[in-house]
Amino acid sequence: MNRWTFLPRWWLAVMVAWALTWAPAHATRIKDVASVQGVRSNQLVGYGLVVGLDGTGDGNNAYTTRSLANFMQQMGISLPQGVTVQPKNVAAVLVTAELPPFARPGQTIDVTVSSVGSAKSLRGGTLIQTPLRGADGQVYALAQGNLVIAGAGAAAGGSSVTVNHLNAGRIPNGALVEATVPTPLLLGETVTLALRADDFQTASRVAGAINQAIGDGTAQALDGRTVQVRAPRDPNERVAFLASLEDLPVALATPTARVVFNARTGSVVLNQAVKLAPAAIAHGNLSISISSTPQVSQPGPFAPPGAQTVVTEKADIQIQQEGGKIMEVEASAQLADVVRALNKLGATPQDLLAILQALKAAGALQAELEVL
């Protein structure tokens, strides 16, 4: 018989209250660093038609025309031989949604509708019934409803003005759940906690916090991302056990020193574990400016017949190099000191990228470099 069967429910609340008394200063809850493995959302996607547009649909697109003809045939309407439809008020769309964990048939979820054709706008359209399928090909929800477009547009005389995006919108509670995705939450004698970041120290501290609050042998860290926990078999007791488990405090481990560069925006982000060793830096800027001035060349008085006036370009190229001073960077153990030392260089974010890479190569930067 499971040893959790005889534990009163109030015992879990007492356990958590007692655990909070020894929580360290910078502790966080287990639910903030880990989640129950297998309890997750699932992505759904479907292909459908939006009708009721004011002449802003796909027009004579082959797949939109065929989709509309197939739909009309399902409704019992057969077109005469050789007759085709030109759906100016219809647009082919892709419908996406997130099926939350534990969703039951009859519940509703939000959907996003996006045009896949040449429609100018989906504003004012209505999505007709669209099956939403999961990765296994099964239908888990049916979507239908009026689109909400957070944009506006107008056109006249060949000119047009558009505010926000008109080819994508949402339908709040637009899909009805038809099937449930099973979860392994109630299977077996254990549940697995999946850490959101791969860190052996955090996994060890999560297991230690559970064992100290509940009892030795309750939790076991399997690797740097998963912690296995023994749990009661009864569904009601297991849910109450997990609810109390998520509120247990755990001390955060020191993060890995990391510097993140965003190559598209030029932003540089450093975390609190970044450290600098003493180094000397010389960084100069090289600027090249090219200016072009149009000049008119006219034929001379004794030019041959047929000579014409031409426009030529005079290019002026200048190269300017600023002298780079050698600056000493002192050892810095705190993030504020690192920022202060880098600010003394007066470098732009793009220059800072090159400087930090050089510091890393020289062994003066104690951090990992990651480029997004």
Protein backbone atom coordinates (compact mmCIF):
# COMPACT_ATOMS: atom_id res chain seq x y z
CA MET A 1 0.00 0.00 0.00
CA ASN A 2 1.27 3.48 -0.83
CA ARG A 3 2.77 5.25 2.16
CA TRP A 4 0.95 8.48 1.23
CA THR A 5 -2.49 6.94 1.83
CA PHE A 6 -2.46 7.60 5.57
CA LEU A 7 -1.22 11.18 5.42
CA PRO A 8 -3.91 13.74 6.30
CA ARG A 9 -4.41 16.53 3.81
CA TRP A 10 -3.68 19.22 6.40
CA TRP A 11 -0.22 17.74 6.76
CA LEU A 12 0.80 19.11 3.37
CA ALA A 13 -0.12 22.66 4.41
CA VAL A 14 1.83 22.29 7.66
CA MET A 15 4.78 20.96 5.69
CA VAL A 16 4.86 24.00 3.39
CA ALA A 17 4.45 26.48 6.26
CA TRP A 18 7.33 24.85 8.09
CA ALA A 19 9.49 24.91 4.96
CA LEU A 20 8.94 28.64 4.50
CA THR A 21 10.57 29.33 7.88
CA TRP A 22 13.97 28.15 6.65
CA ALA A 23 13.75 29.72 3.20
CA PRO A 24 16.99 31.53 2.28
CA ALA A 25 17.06 35.21 1.46
CA HIS A 26 17.10 34.99 -2.34
CA ALA A 27 14.93 31.87 -2.67
CA THR A 28 12.25 31.29 -5.25
CA ARG A 29 9.49 28.73 -5.60
CA ILE A 30 9.96 25.39 -7.32
CA LYS A 31 7.17 26.27 -9.77
CA ASP A 32 9.29 29.20 -10.99
CA VAL A 33 12.22 26.99 -12.02
CA ALA A 34 10.53 23.70 -12.94
CA SER A 35 7.33 22.26 -14.36
CA VAL A 36 5.70 18.85 -14.27
CA GLN A 37 6.92 16.83 -17.22
CA GLY A 38 4.15 15.93 -19.67
CA VAL A 39 1.87 18.78 -18.59
CA ARG A 40 2.15 21.08 -21.59
CA SER A 41 0.15 22.68 -24.38
CA ASN A 42 -0.11 21.29 -27.92
CA GLN A 43 -0.06 23.22 -31.18
CA LEU A 44 -3.00 22.88 -33.58
CA VAL A 45 -3.28 23.99 -37.20
CA GLY A 46 -5.96 23.91 -39.88
CA TYR A 47 -6.77 25.21 -43.37
CA GLY A 48 -10.02 27.08 -43.90
CA LEU A 49 -11.89 29.84 -45.70
CA VAL A 50 -12.87 33.32 -44.58
CA VAL A 51 -16.04 34.62 -46.23
CA GLY A 52 -17.95 37.91 -46.18
CA LEU A 53 -15.07 40.15 -47.27
CA ASP A 54 -15.82 43.43 -49.03
CA GLY A 55 -14.06 42.63 -52.30
CA THR A 56 -10.68 42.21 -50.56
CA GLY A 57 -10.41 38.43 -50.94
CA ASP A 58 -8.02 36.27 -52.94
CA GLY A 59 -9.79 36.72 -56.26
CA ASN A 60 -9.11 34.11 -58.92
CA ASN A 61 -6.54 32.02 -57.00
CA ALA A 62 -6.57 28.38 -58.03
CA TYR A 63 -6.53 26.87 -54.52
CA THR A 64 -9.11 29.33 -53.16
CA THR A 65 -11.43 28.61 -56.10
CA ARG A 66 -11.01 24.85 -55.66
CA SER A 67 -11.52 25.07 -51.88
CA LEU A 68 -14.74 27.06 -52.32
CA ALA A 69 -16.02 24.64 -54.97
CA ASN A 70 -15.30 21.66 -52.67
CA PHE A 71 -17.09 23.35 -49.79
CA MET A 72 -20.14 24.12 -51.94
CA GLN A 73 -20.20 20.51 -53.10
CA GLN A 74 -20.19 19.32 -49.49
CA MET A 75 -23.17 21.59 -48.90
CA GLY A 76 -25.01 19.86 -51.77
CA ILE A 77 -24.47 22.59 -54.39
CA SER A 78 -23.08 21.36 -57.73
CA LEU A 79 -21.86 23.91 -60.26
CA PRO A 80 -22.73 23.41 -63.96
CA GLN A 81 -20.01 22.12 -66.26
CA GLY A 82 -17.55 24.86 -67.21
CA VAL A 83 -18.79 27.36 -64.60
CA THR A 84 -16.13 28.64 -62.22
CA VAL A 85 -16.38 30.94 -59.23
CA GLN A 86 -14.30 34.07 -58.70
CA PRO A 87 -14.25 34.48 -54.93
CA LYS A 88 -13.47 38.16 -54.47
CA ASN A 89 -15.14 37.99 -51.06
CA VAL A 90 -13.38 34.78 -49.96
CA ALA A 91 -9.82 34.23 -48.68
CA ALA A 92 -7.87 31.05 -47.96
CA VAL A 93 -6.37 31.10 -44.46
CA LEU A 94 -4.34 29.05 -42.02
CA VAL A 95 -5.79 28.75 -38.52
CA THR A 96 -3.49 28.11 -35.54
CA ALA A 97 -4.23 27.57 -31.85
CA GLU A 98 -2.71 26.30 -28.61
CA LEU A 99 -4.52 23.42 -26.91
CA PRO A 100 -3.82 23.90 -23.18
CA PRO A 101 -3.14 20.92 -20.92
CA PHE A 102 -6.18 19.20 -19.38
CA ALA A 103 -8.53 20.84 -21.94
CA ARG A 104 -11.84 18.96 -22.05
CA PRO A 105 -14.41 18.62 -24.86
CA GLY A 106 -16.76 21.58 -24.84
CA GLN A 107 -14.21 24.14 -23.68
CA THR A 108 -13.22 27.01 -25.98
CA ILE A 109 -9.80 28.33 -26.98
CA ASP A 110 -8.58 31.36 -28.93
CA VAL A 111 -7.44 30.99 -32.54
CA THR A 112 -5.28 33.06 -34.89
CA VAL A 113 -6.28 33.37 -38.55
CA SER A 114 -3.68 34.33 -41.20
CA SER A 115 -4.09 34.79 -44.93
CA VAL A 116 -2.10 32.52 -47.26
CA GLY A 117 -3.23 34.05 -50.57
CA SER A 118 -3.41 37.46 -52.17
CA ALA A 119 -6.18 38.87 -49.99
CA LYS A 120 -5.84 42.58 -49.28
CA SER A 121 -7.70 42.47 -45.97
CA LEU A 122 -9.54 40.02 -43.72
CA ARG A 123 -11.44 42.79 -41.96
CA GLY A 124 -15.13 42.00 -41.52
CA GLY A 125 -14.69 38.35 -42.52
CA THR A 126 -16.14 35.21 -40.94
CA LEU A 127 -14.22 31.96 -40.64
CA ILE A 128 -16.32 28.96 -41.64
CA GLN A 129 -15.99 25.69 -39.72
CA THR A 130 -12.35 24.58 -39.81
CA PRO A 131 -10.97 21.37 -38.25
CA LEU A 132 -7.80 21.93 -36.20
CA ARG A 133 -5.38 19.00 -36.17
CA GLY A 134 -2.42 18.09 -34.00
CA ALA A 135 0.95 16.68 -35.01
CA ASP A 136 -0.59 13.18 -35.10
CA GLY A 137 -3.19 14.23 -37.68
CA GLN A 138 -6.13 13.90 -35.28
CA VAL A 139 -8.81 16.59 -35.04
CA TYR A 140 -8.82 18.14 -31.57
CA ALA A 141 -10.89 21.30 -32.11
CA LEU A 142 -13.26 23.01 -34.55
CA ALA A 143 -12.85 26.74 -35.26
CA GLN A 144 -15.48 29.17 -36.50
CA GLY A 145 -16.47 32.77 -35.88
CA ASN A 146 -16.02 36.44 -36.74
CA LEU A 147 -12.49 37.82 -37.01
CA VAL A 148 -11.18 40.67 -34.89
CA ILE A 149 -8.69 42.74 -36.91
CA ALA A 150 -6.74 45.41 -35.03
CA GLY A 151 -6.07 47.49 -38.11
CA ALA A 152 -7.66 49.76 -40.68
CA GLY A 153 -7.08 50.67 -44.31
CA ALA A 154 -8.42 52.88 -47.08
CA ALA A 155 -7.70 53.22 -50.80
CA ALA A 156 -8.78 55.69 -53.47
CA GLY A 157 -7.38 57.00 -56.74
CA GLY A 158 -4.48 54.56 -56.74
CA SER A 159 -3.33 55.57 -53.24
CA SER A 160 -3.77 53.52 -50.08
CA VAL A 161 -3.20 53.91 -46.37
CA THR A 162 -2.86 50.96 -43.98
CA VAL A 163 -2.68 51.00 -40.19
CA ASN A 164 -1.30 47.83 -38.57
CA HIS A 165 -1.71 44.47 -40.32
CA LEU A 166 -4.94 43.54 -42.08
CA ASN A 167 -4.12 40.00 -43.22
CA ALA A 168 -4.11 38.36 -39.78
CA GLY A 169 -6.53 38.43 -36.87
CA ARG A 170 -7.88 36.53 -33.91
CA ILE A 171 -11.15 34.94 -32.86
CA PRO A 172 -11.50 34.96 -29.06
CA ASN A 173 -12.94 31.63 -27.89
CA GLY A 174 -13.25 30.77 -31.57
CA ALA A 175 -12.51 27.04 -31.35
CA LEU A 176 -14.46 24.33 -29.57
CA VAL A 177 -12.37 21.50 -28.11
CA GLU A 178 -13.54 18.11 -29.39
CA ALA A 179 -10.91 15.70 -28.02
CA THR A 180 -8.56 15.46 -25.03
CA VAL A 181 -4.81 14.89 -25.14
CA PRO A 182 -3.89 12.32 -22.46
CA THR A 183 -1.18 13.28 -19.96
CA PRO A 184 1.02 10.98 -17.84
CA LEU A 185 0.34 12.98 -14.66
CA LEU A 186 -1.58 10.19 -12.90
CA LEU A 187 0.48 7.26 -14.23
CA GLY A 188 3.01 5.44 -12.07
CA GLU A 189 4.24 6.08 -8.54
CA THR A 190 6.41 9.07 -9.43
CA VAL A 191 6.17 12.40 -11.22
CA THR A 192 9.05 14.10 -12.99
CA LEU A 193 9.90 17.76 -12.61
CA ALA A 194 11.55 19.28 -15.69
CA LEU A 195 13.82 22.28 -14.99
CA ARG A 196 13.51 25.20 -17.39
CA ALA A 197 17.31 25.51 -17.57
CA ASP A 198 19.97 22.81 -17.65
CA ASP A 199 21.85 23.22 -14.36
CA PHE A 200 23.09 20.45 -12.07
CA GLN A 201 23.28 22.73 -9.04
CA THR A 202 19.65 23.84 -9.39
CA ALA A 203 18.49 20.23 -9.87
CA SER A 204 20.38 19.17 -6.74
CA ARG A 205 18.89 22.06 -4.71
CA VAL A 206 15.34 21.29 -5.89
CA ALA A 207 15.72 17.65 -4.83
CA GLY A 208 17.27 18.71 -1.51
CA ALA A 209 14.46 21.17 -0.76
CA ILE A 210 11.83 18.47 -1.37
CA ASN A 211 13.64 15.89 0.74
CA GLN A 212 14.16 18.35 3.61
CA ALA A 213 10.48 19.36 3.62
CA ILE A 214 8.89 15.94 3.09
CA GLY A 215 11.46 13.29 3.90
CA ASP A 216 14.64 11.68 2.64
CA GLY A 217 14.22 9.59 -0.48
CA THR A 218 11.20 11.50 -1.76
CA ALA A 219 13.05 13.28 -4.60
CA GLN A 220 16.03 12.28 -6.68
CA ALA A 221 17.89 14.41 -9.24
CA LEU A 222 18.37 12.26 -12.33
CA ASP A 223 20.43 14.78 -14.30
CA GLY A 224 20.85 18.52 -14.73
CA ARG A 225 17.27 19.02 -15.95
CA THR A 226 15.00 16.39 -14.37
CA VAL A 227 14.06 15.56 -10.78
CA GLN A 228 11.99 12.46 -9.99
CA VAL A 229 9.56 12.72 -7.06
CA ARG A 230 7.52 10.01 -5.35
CA ALA A 231 3.87 11.00 -5.20
CA PRO A 232 0.59 9.53 -3.91
CA ARG A 233 -1.41 7.37 -6.34
CA ASP A 234 -4.83 8.81 -5.54
CA PRO A 235 -5.62 11.57 -8.12
CA ASN A 236 -7.01 14.01 -5.55
CA GLU A 237 -4.08 13.56 -3.20
CA ARG A 238 -1.58 13.79 -6.07
CA VAL A 239 -2.98 17.13 -7.21
CA ALA A 240 -2.88 18.49 -3.64
CA PHE A 241 0.65 17.13 -3.23
CA LEU A 242 1.88 18.86 -6.41
CA ALA A 243 0.15 22.11 -5.45
CA SER A 244 2.04 22.15 -2.15
CA LEU A 245 5.25 20.99 -3.81
CA GLU A 246 5.29 23.91 -6.24
CA ASP A 247 5.26 26.44 -3.37
CA LEU A 248 8.35 25.00 -1.67
CA PRO A 249 11.23 27.54 -1.61
CA VAL A 250 14.52 26.72 -3.28
CA ALA A 251 17.70 28.81 -3.40
CA LEU A 252 18.69 29.84 -6.90
CA ALA A 253 22.04 28.65 -8.16
CA THR A 254 24.55 31.15 -9.51
CA PRO A 255 23.90 31.38 -13.26
CA THR A 256 26.57 30.63 -15.83
CA ALA A 257 28.41 33.78 -16.83
CA ARG A 258 27.10 34.70 -20.28
CA VAL A 259 27.22 37.64 -22.67
CA VAL A 260 24.47 37.67 -25.30
CA PHE A 261 24.77 39.62 -28.56
CA ASN A 262 21.86 40.36 -30.87
CA ALA A 263 23.45 40.76 -34.29
CA ARG A 264 20.27 42.22 -35.82
CA THR A 265 19.69 45.00 -33.28
CA GLY A 266 23.23 45.47 -31.97
CA SER A 267 22.18 45.00 -28.33
CA VAL A 268 24.53 43.48 -25.76
CA VAL A 269 23.29 41.88 -22.51
CA LEU A 270 25.47 40.69 -19.62
CA ASN A 271 24.27 38.70 -16.62
CA GLN A 272 25.37 39.15 -13.03
CA ALA A 273 28.04 36.40 -13.13
CA VAL A 274 30.22 38.10 -15.77
CA LYS A 275 33.71 38.97 -14.48
CA LEU A 276 36.69 40.80 -15.96
CA ALA A 277 40.39 40.20 -15.38
CA PRO A 278 42.92 43.04 -15.69
CA ALA A 279 43.51 43.97 -19.34
CA ALA A 280 44.61 46.82 -21.60
CA ILE A 281 42.47 47.81 -24.59
CA ALA A 282 43.20 50.03 -27.60
CA HIS A 283 40.25 50.59 -29.93
CA GLY A 284 40.23 53.14 -32.78
CA ASN A 285 37.57 54.01 -35.34
CA LEU A 286 38.09 54.00 -39.11
CA SER A 287 35.58 56.05 -41.13
CA ILE A 288 35.36 56.23 -44.94
CA SER A 289 33.19 58.91 -46.56
CA ILE A 290 32.35 59.00 -50.28
CA SER A 291 30.64 62.03 -51.79
CA SER A 292 29.53 62.39 -55.40
CA THR A 293 28.98 65.75 -57.13
CA PRO A 294 27.22 65.93 -60.53
CA GLN A 295 29.00 68.08 -63.12
CA VAL A 296 27.76 69.26 -66.53
CA SER A 297 30.12 68.93 -69.50
CA GLN A 298 29.16 70.99 -72.56
CA PRO A 299 30.62 70.75 -76.08
CA GLY A 300 33.30 73.31 -76.94
CA PRO A 301 32.96 75.91 -79.70
CA PHE A 302 34.90 73.74 -82.19
CA ALA A 303 33.25 70.44 -81.22
CA PRO A 304 32.31 68.10 -84.10
CA PRO A 305 28.71 67.94 -85.25
CA GLY A 306 26.51 65.74 -83.03
CA ALA A 307 28.31 66.54 -79.79
CA GLN A 308 25.93 66.64 -76.81
CA THR A 309 25.90 67.95 -73.28
CA VAL A 310 26.50 65.19 -70.73
CA VAL A 311 26.35 64.95 -66.93
CA THR A 312 29.30 63.37 -65.16
CA GLU A 313 29.90 62.44 -61.53
CA LYS A 314 32.90 63.61 -59.55
CA ALA A 315 33.62 61.30 -56.62
CA ASP A 316 35.47 62.49 -53.51
CA ILE A 317 36.75 59.76 -51.16
CA GLN A 318 38.08 60.60 -47.71
CA ILE A 319 39.49 58.22 -45.10
CA GLN A 320 39.73 59.30 -41.47
CA GLN A 321 41.14 57.15 -38.70
CA GLU A 322 40.83 58.18 -35.07
CA GLY A 323 43.69 57.32 -32.81
CA GLY A 324 42.84 54.67 -30.25
CA LYS A 325 44.19 55.24 -26.75
CA ILE A 326 45.37 52.29 -24.70
CA MET A 327 43.13 52.10 -21.67
CA GLU A 328 43.56 49.85 -18.67
CA VAL A 329 40.56 47.82 -17.53
CA GLU A 330 40.76 46.81 -13.89
CA ALA A 331 39.62 43.48 -12.53
CA SER A 332 35.87 43.51 -11.89
CA ALA A 333 33.96 40.94 -9.88
CA GLN A 334 30.56 42.66 -9.83
CA LEU A 335 28.28 43.43 -12.77
CA ALA A 336 28.21 47.14 -11.85
CA ASP A 337 32.01 47.25 -11.97
CA VAL A 338 32.07 45.52 -15.36
CA VAL A 339 29.58 48.03 -16.79
CA ARG A 340 31.56 50.94 -15.33
CA ALA A 341 34.79 49.63 -16.85
CA LEU A 342 33.24 49.17 -20.30
CA ASN A 343 31.58 52.59 -20.21
CA LYS A 344 35.01 54.19 -19.76
CA LEU A 345 35.87 53.01 -23.27
CA GLY A 346 33.03 55.07 -24.79
CA ALA A 347 32.36 52.34 -27.37
CA THR A 348 29.16 51.83 -29.30
CA PRO A 349 27.31 48.48 -29.00
CA GLN A 350 28.84 47.33 -32.30
CA ASP A 351 32.31 48.25 -31.06
CA LEU A 352 31.56 46.61 -27.74
CA LEU A 353 30.86 43.36 -29.57
CA ALA A 354 34.36 43.34 -31.04
CA ILE A 355 35.94 44.39 -27.73
CA LEU A 356 34.25 41.66 -25.71
CA GLN A 357 35.17 39.03 -28.29
CA ALA A 358 38.80 40.18 -28.10
CA LEU A 359 38.70 40.11 -24.29
CA LYS A 360 37.36 36.57 -24.41
CA ALA A 361 40.12 35.50 -26.80
CA ALA A 362 42.72 37.11 -24.53
CA GLY A 363 41.36 35.28 -21.47
CA ALA A 364 40.32 38.47 -19.67
CA LEU A 365 36.55 37.91 -19.96
CA GLN A 366 35.19 35.12 -17.79
CA ALA A 367 31.91 34.44 -19.58
CA GLU A 368 30.36 32.54 -22.47
CA LEU A 369 29.58 34.44 -25.66
CA GLU A 370 26.26 33.78 -27.39
CA VAL A 371 25.13 35.42 -30.62
CA LEU A 372 21.41 35.53 -31.42
